[in-house]
Protein backbone atom coordinates (compact mmCIF):
# COMPACT_ATOMS: atom_id res chain seq x y z
CA MET A 1 -25.90 7.76 -8.88
CA ALA A 2 -28.54 10.32 -9.38
CA ALA A 3 -28.47 13.22 -7.01
CA PRO A 4 -30.74 13.61 -3.78
CA PRO A 5 -34.11 15.49 -4.80
CA TYR A 6 -33.38 18.53 -1.97
CA LEU A 7 -29.98 19.00 -3.16
CA GLY A 8 -31.58 20.33 -6.76
CA THR A 9 -33.76 22.26 -4.70
CA LEU A 10 -30.72 23.91 -3.17
CA THR A 11 -29.17 24.72 -5.68
CA ARG A 12 -31.88 26.46 -7.35
CA ASN A 13 -32.65 28.46 -4.62
CA GLY A 14 -28.81 29.92 -4.14
CA GLY A 15 -29.18 30.92 -7.52
CA LEU A 16 -32.28 33.21 -7.01
CA LYS A 17 -30.77 33.98 -3.95
CA LEU A 18 -27.04 34.58 -5.27
CA ALA A 19 -29.12 36.81 -8.22
CA ALA A 20 -31.08 39.11 -5.71
CA PHE A 21 -27.90 39.56 -3.64
CA GLY A 22 -26.45 40.75 -7.50
CA LEU A 23 -29.71 42.81 -8.15
CA ALA A 24 -29.44 44.47 -4.39
CA LEU A 25 -25.93 45.55 -5.02
CA PHE A 26 -25.79 46.70 -8.22
CA LEU A 27 -28.76 49.07 -6.68
CA TRP A 28 -26.80 50.31 -4.54
CA VAL A 29 -24.11 50.96 -6.45
CA LEU A 30 -26.52 52.80 -8.76
CA VAL A 31 -27.69 55.24 -6.26
CA ARG A 32 -24.19 55.53 -4.57
CA VAL A 33 -22.75 56.95 -8.35
CA GLY A 34 -26.18 57.28 -10.41
CA ALA A 35 -27.70 60.74 -11.09
CA PRO A 36 -26.59 63.72 -9.01
CA GLY A 37 -30.03 65.28 -6.78
CA GLU A 38 -30.91 68.23 -5.73
CA ARG A 39 -32.21 69.98 -2.83
CA ASP A 40 -33.00 74.04 -2.48
CA LEU A 41 -32.57 75.45 1.26
CA LEU A 42 -32.85 78.46 2.95
CA ILE A 43 -29.78 79.98 4.13
CA PRO A 44 -29.17 82.13 6.59
CA ILE A 45 -26.39 85.37 6.02
CA ASP A 46 -23.48 85.32 8.69
CA ILE A 47 -21.47 88.45 8.08
CA ARG A 48 -18.01 88.09 9.46
CA LEU A 49 -16.71 91.87 10.11
CA ASP A 50 -12.40 91.80 10.42
CA ASP A 51 -12.10 95.40 10.69
CA PRO A 52 -13.12 96.43 14.53
CA SER A 53 -12.65 100.13 13.69
CA TRP A 54 -16.49 99.12 11.67
CA VAL A 55 -19.31 97.34 12.64
CA VAL A 56 -22.55 96.28 11.35
CA VAL A 57 -25.86 98.21 11.50
CA GLY A 58 -28.84 96.05 11.32
CA ASN A 59 -29.62 92.76 8.86
CA PRO A 60 -28.19 92.25 5.92
CA VAL A 61 -30.85 92.63 2.96
CA PRO A 62 -31.57 89.85 2.49
CA ALA A 63 -30.79 87.93 5.97
CA THR A 64 -31.46 84.76 4.49
CA VAL A 65 -30.69 83.39 0.81
CA LEU A 66 -32.24 80.22 -1.45
CA VAL A 67 -29.01 77.79 -1.80
CA ARG A 68 -29.58 75.14 -4.68
CA PHE A 69 -27.57 72.15 -3.54
CA ARG A 70 -26.25 69.25 -5.75
CA GLY A 71 -24.61 65.94 -5.44
CA PRO A 72 -25.15 61.90 -4.78
CA PRO A 73 -29.02 61.51 -3.52
CA THR A 74 -27.91 60.19 -0.26
CA GLU A 75 -25.71 63.15 0.62
CA ILE A 76 -28.32 65.81 -0.74
CA PHE A 77 -31.04 63.50 1.46
CA ARG A 78 -29.11 64.74 4.79
CA LEU A 79 -29.03 68.31 4.30
CA THR A 80 -31.50 70.05 6.38
CA GLY A 81 -32.01 73.50 7.72
CA LEU A 82 -31.44 72.58 11.20
CA ASP A 83 -27.74 71.94 11.42
CA GLY A 84 -26.81 75.31 11.61
CA MET A 85 -25.55 76.16 8.39
CA SER A 86 -25.39 79.40 7.32
CA LEU A 87 -23.41 81.62 4.43
CA ALA A 88 -20.41 83.10 6.42
CA VAL A 89 -19.72 86.59 4.00
CA PRO A 90 -16.24 87.84 5.16
CA ILE A 91 -15.65 91.42 4.88
CA ALA A 92 -11.73 92.02 5.16
CA GLU A 93 -11.93 95.98 4.63
CA VAL A 94 -14.80 98.36 4.11
CA SER A 95 -15.07 100.57 1.48
CA ASP A 96 -18.09 102.23 1.44
CA LYS A 97 -21.25 102.24 4.85
CA GLU A 98 -23.20 100.85 2.29
CA MET A 99 -21.35 97.88 0.50
CA THR A 100 -23.06 94.92 -1.97
CA ILE A 101 -21.34 91.81 -1.89
CA PRO A 102 -21.86 89.19 -4.77
CA LEU A 103 -22.39 86.16 -2.70
CA GLN A 104 -19.68 83.09 -3.29
CA ALA A 105 -20.40 78.92 -3.18
CA GLY A 106 -17.43 78.47 -1.35
CA TRP A 107 -18.99 80.53 1.29
CA VAL A 108 -21.51 78.01 2.27
CA PRO A 109 -19.32 74.89 4.82
CA LEU A 110 -20.02 71.76 3.22
CA ASP A 111 -17.63 69.63 5.46
CA GLY A 112 -19.18 66.21 6.20
CA TYR A 113 -21.29 66.46 2.76
CA ARG A 114 -19.27 64.20 0.24
CA GLY A 115 -19.31 64.92 -3.71
CA VAL A 116 -22.15 67.84 -2.23
CA GLN A 117 -21.52 71.44 -4.55
CA VAL A 118 -23.90 74.54 -4.52
CA GLU A 119 -25.31 74.95 -8.08
CA ASP A 120 -25.93 78.76 -7.49
CA ILE A 121 -27.60 80.80 -4.68
CA VAL A 122 -30.61 83.12 -5.28
CA PRO A 123 -30.83 86.32 -4.78
CA SER A 124 -26.06 86.19 -6.09
CA ALA A 125 -25.39 89.55 -4.09
CA ILE A 126 -26.75 90.33 -0.55
CA ASP A 127 -26.75 94.60 1.16
CA VAL A 128 -25.43 95.77 4.30
CA GLN A 129 -24.62 98.80 6.14
CA LEU A 130 -22.36 99.41 8.26
CA ASP A 131 -21.22 102.48 10.69
CA ARG A 132 -18.13 103.84 12.60
CA MET A 133 -17.41 102.09 16.15
CA ALA A 134 -17.98 104.68 18.74
CA THR A 135 -17.82 104.26 22.10
CA ARG A 136 -19.38 106.81 25.03
CA THR A 137 -19.73 106.59 28.78
CA ILE A 138 -22.99 107.07 29.79
CA PRO A 139 -25.33 107.54 33.13
CA VAL A 140 -27.51 104.68 34.22
CA ARG A 141 -30.40 106.06 35.77
CA VAL A 142 -32.81 104.20 38.26
CA SER A 143 -35.80 102.52 37.66
CA ALA A 144 -38.70 100.83 40.27
CA ARG A 145 -42.02 98.65 39.45
CA GLY A 146 -44.27 98.82 42.70
CA ARG A 147 -44.29 100.08 46.13
CA LEU A 148 -42.50 99.26 49.47
CA PRO A 149 -44.83 97.47 52.00
CA ASP A 150 -46.78 99.69 54.24
CA HIS A 151 -44.41 98.95 57.32
CA LEU A 152 -41.58 100.38 55.21
CA ALA A 153 -40.17 103.10 53.83
CA LEU A 154 -37.22 105.08 51.99
CA THR A 155 -34.42 106.86 53.80
CA ARG A 156 -33.08 108.12 50.60
CA THR A 157 -33.54 107.37 47.24
CA LEU A 158 -32.91 104.69 45.27
CA SER A 159 -29.04 104.57 44.29
CA VAL A 160 -27.47 102.11 40.92
CA THR A 161 -23.67 101.36 41.66
CA PRO A 162 -22.05 101.84 38.93
CA ASN A 163 -23.79 104.68 37.32
CA LEU A 164 -21.59 105.05 34.75
CA VAL A 165 -21.36 102.21 32.06
CA ARG A 166 -19.17 102.28 29.21
CA VAL A 167 -21.35 101.42 25.60
CA SER A 168 -19.68 100.36 22.47
CA GLY A 169 -21.95 100.05 18.77
CA ALA A 170 -22.35 102.02 15.83
CA ALA A 171 -21.95 105.75 15.76
CA ARG A 172 -25.17 106.57 15.00
CA LEU A 173 -26.83 104.62 17.73
CA VAL A 174 -24.54 105.10 20.28
CA GLU A 175 -24.34 108.74 20.15
CA GLN A 176 -28.65 109.09 20.06
CA PHE A 177 -28.42 108.19 23.80
CA ASP A 178 -28.02 110.37 26.70
CA THR A 179 -28.64 108.58 29.57
CA LEU A 180 -29.59 104.38 30.24
CA ASP A 181 -32.58 102.82 32.36
CA ILE A 182 -32.31 99.27 34.01
CA VAL A 183 -34.55 96.88 33.73
CA PRO A 184 -36.85 97.64 36.84
CA VAL A 185 -36.27 96.73 40.61
CA ASP A 186 -39.39 95.86 41.82
CA LEU A 187 -39.71 97.05 45.80
CA SER A 188 -43.12 95.30 46.38
CA ASP A 189 -40.63 92.31 47.43
CA VAL A 190 -38.43 94.20 49.78
CA GLU A 191 -38.40 93.49 52.77
CA GLU A 192 -35.50 95.67 54.60
CA GLN A 193 -32.68 97.57 53.45
CA THR A 194 -30.96 95.35 50.71
CA THR A 195 -29.53 95.50 47.67
CA VAL A 196 -30.17 94.10 44.62
CA GLU A 197 -28.47 93.37 41.22
CA THR A 198 -30.27 94.31 37.69
CA VAL A 199 -29.04 94.77 34.37
CA VAL A 200 -29.25 97.66 31.89
CA ASP A 201 -32.27 97.72 29.52
CA THR A 202 -30.96 97.19 25.98
CA ALA A 203 -34.73 96.92 23.95
CA GLY A 204 -34.42 98.36 20.92
CA MET A 205 -30.88 99.52 21.01
CA GLY A 206 -30.12 98.05 18.22
CA ARG A 207 -26.33 95.95 18.12
CA VAL A 208 -24.18 97.60 21.15
CA THR A 209 -22.90 96.40 23.96
CA VAL A 210 -22.65 97.76 27.07
CA VAL A 211 -19.76 97.35 30.30
CA PRO A 212 -20.45 96.28 32.55
CA SER A 213 -24.27 95.12 31.73
CA VAL A 214 -25.20 93.88 35.21
CA VAL A 215 -25.67 96.63 38.32
CA THR A 216 -26.28 97.05 42.16
CA VAL A 217 -29.82 98.87 43.07
CA ARG A 218 -29.04 99.76 46.53
CA ILE A 219 -32.73 100.14 48.08
CA PRO A 220 -32.04 102.13 51.29
CA ALA A 221 -35.28 100.75 53.77
CA GLU A 222 -36.41 101.49 56.64
CA GLU A 223 -39.13 100.97 59.22
CA SER A 224 -42.44 103.28 58.68
CA ILE A 225 -43.77 105.84 61.31
CA GLU A 226 -47.06 108.05 61.47
CA ARG A 227 -46.30 111.28 63.63
CA LEU A 228 -49.18 113.86 64.34
CA ILE A 229 -46.84 117.50 64.63
CA SER A 230 -48.93 120.31 66.33
CA GLY A 231 -47.87 124.37 65.84
CA VAL A 232 -47.14 124.64 62.27
CA ARG A 233 -47.44 127.93 61.64
CA VAL A 234 -50.06 129.79 58.26
CA VAL A 235 -48.70 132.45 56.48
CA ALA A 236 -50.31 134.21 53.76
CA GLY A 237 -48.00 134.72 50.23
CA PRO A 238 -46.96 138.30 48.88
CA VAL A 239 -50.54 139.68 48.07
CA PHE A 240 -50.91 143.75 45.92
CA GLY A 241 -53.68 145.73 47.32
CA ARG A 242 -54.05 147.37 50.25
CA GLY A 243 -55.18 146.70 53.98
CA LEU A 244 -53.77 143.60 55.88
CA ILE A 245 -54.30 140.07 55.22
CA GLU A 246 -55.65 137.89 58.26
CA VAL A 247 -55.32 134.12 58.31
CA LEU A 248 -57.35 131.77 60.48
CA PRO A 249 -56.56 129.76 62.36
CA GLN A 250 -52.92 131.03 62.61
CA SER A 251 -51.36 127.49 63.17
CA ILE A 252 -52.17 124.06 62.03
CA GLN A 253 -51.53 120.29 62.85
CA ILE A 254 -49.87 118.36 59.60
CA ARG A 255 -49.74 114.22 59.97
CA VAL A 256 -46.91 113.06 58.24
CA ARG A 257 -45.71 109.40 57.42
CA GLY A 258 -41.94 108.23 56.59
CA ALA A 259 -38.82 106.48 57.49
CA ARG A 260 -38.44 106.54 61.25
CA SER A 261 -35.14 108.57 61.05
CA ARG A 262 -36.42 110.95 58.42
CA VAL A 263 -40.31 111.48 60.76
CA SER A 264 -38.36 112.18 64.57
CA ALA A 265 -36.23 114.79 62.99
CA MET A 266 -38.90 116.93 62.21
CA GLU A 267 -39.65 120.03 63.87
CA ALA A 268 -42.49 122.22 63.92
CA GLU A 269 -40.48 125.35 63.68
CA PHE A 270 -39.47 124.02 60.40
CA LEU A 271 -42.37 123.76 58.54
CA ARG A 272 -45.16 126.42 57.30
CA ALA A 273 -48.66 126.18 55.73
CA VAL A 274 -48.79 128.73 52.85
CA VAL A 275 -51.34 130.24 51.22
CA PRO A 276 -50.45 130.68 47.51
CA SER A 277 -50.59 134.38 46.52
CA ASP A 278 -53.11 133.72 43.59
CA ALA A 279 -55.99 132.82 46.20
CA MET A 280 -56.43 135.77 47.30
CA GLU A 281 -56.42 137.58 44.44
CA ASN A 282 -58.78 140.35 43.89
CA LEU A 283 -59.69 140.02 47.83
CA GLY A 284 -62.04 142.89 48.57
CA GLU A 285 -61.83 144.78 52.13
CA VAL A 286 -62.90 143.11 55.15
CA GLU A 287 -63.65 140.17 52.76
CA ARG A 288 -63.79 136.68 53.94
CA ARG A 289 -62.47 134.00 51.64
CA ARG A 290 -61.81 129.93 52.28
CA VAL A 291 -58.48 129.16 50.44
CA PRO A 292 -56.02 126.20 50.41
CA ILE A 293 -52.91 125.69 51.92
CA GLU A 294 -49.87 124.52 50.92
CA VAL A 295 -46.99 122.86 53.25
CA GLU A 296 -43.49 123.64 53.21
CA GLY A 297 -40.24 122.09 54.79
CA VAL A 298 -41.37 118.72 54.65
CA PRO A 299 -38.47 116.25 54.07
CA SER A 300 -38.74 114.15 50.62
CA LEU A 301 -39.60 111.03 51.11
CA VAL A 302 -42.14 111.46 53.43
CA THR A 303 -46.07 112.05 52.86
CA TRP A 304 -48.60 115.01 54.94
CA VAL A 305 -52.09 115.18 55.02
CA PRO A 306 -52.62 118.52 57.24
CA GLY A 307 -55.13 118.94 60.01
CA ALA A 308 -57.22 121.24 57.54
CA ASP A 309 -57.41 121.87 54.02
CA SER A 310 -57.92 125.44 54.18
CA VAL A 311 -58.32 127.95 56.10
CA VAL A 312 -59.83 131.22 56.23
CA VAL A 313 -58.44 134.25 55.25
CA ARG A 314 -59.46 138.15 55.52
CA ARG A 315 -57.91 141.70 54.52
CA TRP A 316 -58.44 144.17 57.15
CA SER A 317 -58.47 148.15 56.02
CA GLU A 318 -55.29 150.00 57.16
CA LEU A 319 -56.80 153.31 59.78
């Protein structure tokens, strides 16, 4: 009995499908085991220094190298410069402050890339600069920006804790610092006496370690007041020549502003307005001259404005 027509069609289609499957399997195997692929990637250098008495100065030259990889195309295709791959250069022993190190293919990590090998590295060597490790204790300098709100004033200068930090790094870097700055604290946001944390500013210092890197700045702020002080004596500085120096007026007022505790403690008897000696040079007999004054005895962190910024001096002839 003859086979149904649809059975012959099915047989022919099945043969075509089987042939197509066989061809696809052949091509897959060919890709997996066929001719190797290649890829060039720029890989950064990672120096692994084992001797703690030495430190790397700056970046190696060059800091990146061109690595040529060879292997199965599917594995080569997976290689990218985004997976954190680096060429780890070990330095077990330092022979000199300047070293030229030949690069080895085995220093490129290829775990997870089956059949991939390093075929070439360009350039084949790098230059590394090193220096002895040094550690010093260095004072920290307070730094601020902005100004306190008008209703506040400082009772003392800003202080930092700790005021000494330990700095470690290349000797040529560490030995050039006498003091270290902090990242400036902003005074404009202060509302009362407070403390603020900030960090030691290491910008431009190279590869150094600072311990501790975080410091505390004390801002001793207090209510600001203004006060008028009368009866401040005016005196003339020493001046060469014959005759007596008379100053008019003999006393003035000054207006002071600062922290309440400082301004309240001020007394006129501890202040004086002084006429500088150089302002009276060549003062003639019976000559009247208007000259500037400088107020002495005003505590630090207190500002002052004199009731008069100048006085009159004259020289009287001796009888």
